[in-house]
Amino acid sequence: MKKEPKIILTCCFKCGKRYGTKKNKGAIGIWNDTCDLCGAKDVPCASAPHDFGVYSNDEIRKNDKLQDLI
């Protein structure tokens, strides 16, 4: 049985401190969710790729670079 790679989309602020925010971030959208990195539930989270630069695959990285251009 092949294990699917984990998709990382949300990151809590505790984990986010390890990575720091991406350069030139003026604001971060925040919501309560489960952190895809540490698994903490119902904690303030933000977009792992767009706000913290944490990517789980190349497709997400490419989509984020396009979003940064908009």
Protein backbone atom coordinates (compact mmCIF):
# COMPACT_ATOMS: atom_id res chain seq x y z
CA MET A 1 0.00 0.00 0.00
CA LYS A 2 1.46 3.32 -1.11
CA LYS A 3 1.33 6.13 1.44
CA GLU A 4 0.20 9.50 0.07
CA PRO A 5 2.54 12.43 0.75
CA LYS A 6 1.25 14.86 3.36
CA ILE A 7 -0.09 18.13 1.98
CA ILE A 8 0.86 21.11 4.15
CA LEU A 9 -1.55 24.02 3.83
CA THR A 10 -1.99 25.43 7.34
CA CYS A 11 0.62 26.31 9.94
CA CYS A 12 0.11 27.44 13.53
CA PHE A 13 2.09 30.42 14.77
CA LYS A 14 4.25 28.27 17.06
CA CYS A 15 5.49 26.28 14.05
CA GLY A 16 5.54 29.43 11.92
CA LYS A 17 8.07 31.05 14.26
CA ARG A 18 10.57 28.36 13.24
CA TYR A 19 10.30 29.38 9.59
CA GLY A 20 9.55 33.10 9.83
CA THR A 21 7.24 34.91 7.44
CA LYS A 22 8.03 35.43 3.78
CA LYS A 23 9.72 38.70 2.86
CA ASN A 24 7.59 41.81 2.41
CA LYS A 25 4.51 40.35 4.13
CA GLY A 26 2.25 43.22 5.10
CA ALA A 27 -0.59 41.13 6.55
CA ILE A 28 -1.43 37.53 7.33
CA GLY A 29 -4.90 35.97 7.20
CA ILE A 30 -5.62 34.12 10.46
CA TRP A 31 -8.23 31.46 11.32
CA ASN A 32 -8.58 28.62 13.85
CA ASP A 33 -7.69 25.26 12.35
CA THR A 34 -5.49 22.18 12.82
CA CYS A 35 -1.80 22.74 12.13
CA ASP A 36 -0.57 20.48 9.33
CA LEU A 37 2.95 20.47 10.79
CA CYS A 38 2.50 19.67 14.50
CA GLY A 39 -1.14 18.55 14.54
CA ALA A 40 -2.30 21.06 17.19
CA LYS A 41 -6.08 21.40 16.95
CA ASP A 42 -8.22 24.57 17.02
CA VAL A 43 -5.25 26.97 17.17
CA PRO A 44 -4.68 30.24 15.26
CA CYS A 45 -3.24 29.28 11.86
CA ALA A 46 -2.20 30.93 8.62
CA SER A 47 -1.35 29.70 5.14
CA ALA A 48 1.84 27.64 5.40
CA PRO A 49 2.94 28.25 1.80
CA HIS A 50 1.76 31.80 1.24
CA ASP A 51 2.63 33.31 4.63
CA PHE A 52 5.49 31.15 5.95
CA GLY A 53 7.04 29.75 2.76
CA VAL A 54 6.50 26.10 3.80
CA TYR A 55 5.76 23.96 0.74
CA SER A 56 4.92 20.26 0.64
CA ASN A 57 5.23 19.91 -3.14
CA ASP A 58 6.36 21.76 -6.26
CA GLU A 59 2.80 22.35 -7.49
CA ILE A 60 1.94 24.35 -4.36
CA ARG A 61 5.24 26.28 -4.68
CA LYS A 62 4.46 27.20 -8.31
CA ASN A 63 0.88 28.27 -7.49
CA ASP A 64 2.16 30.44 -4.63
CA LYS A 65 4.70 32.17 -6.89
CA LEU A 66 1.87 32.97 -9.31
CA GLN A 67 -0.25 34.32 -6.44
CA ASP A 68 2.63 36.56 -5.34
CA LEU A 69 2.65 38.15 -8.81
CA ILE A 70 -1.02 39.14 -8.55
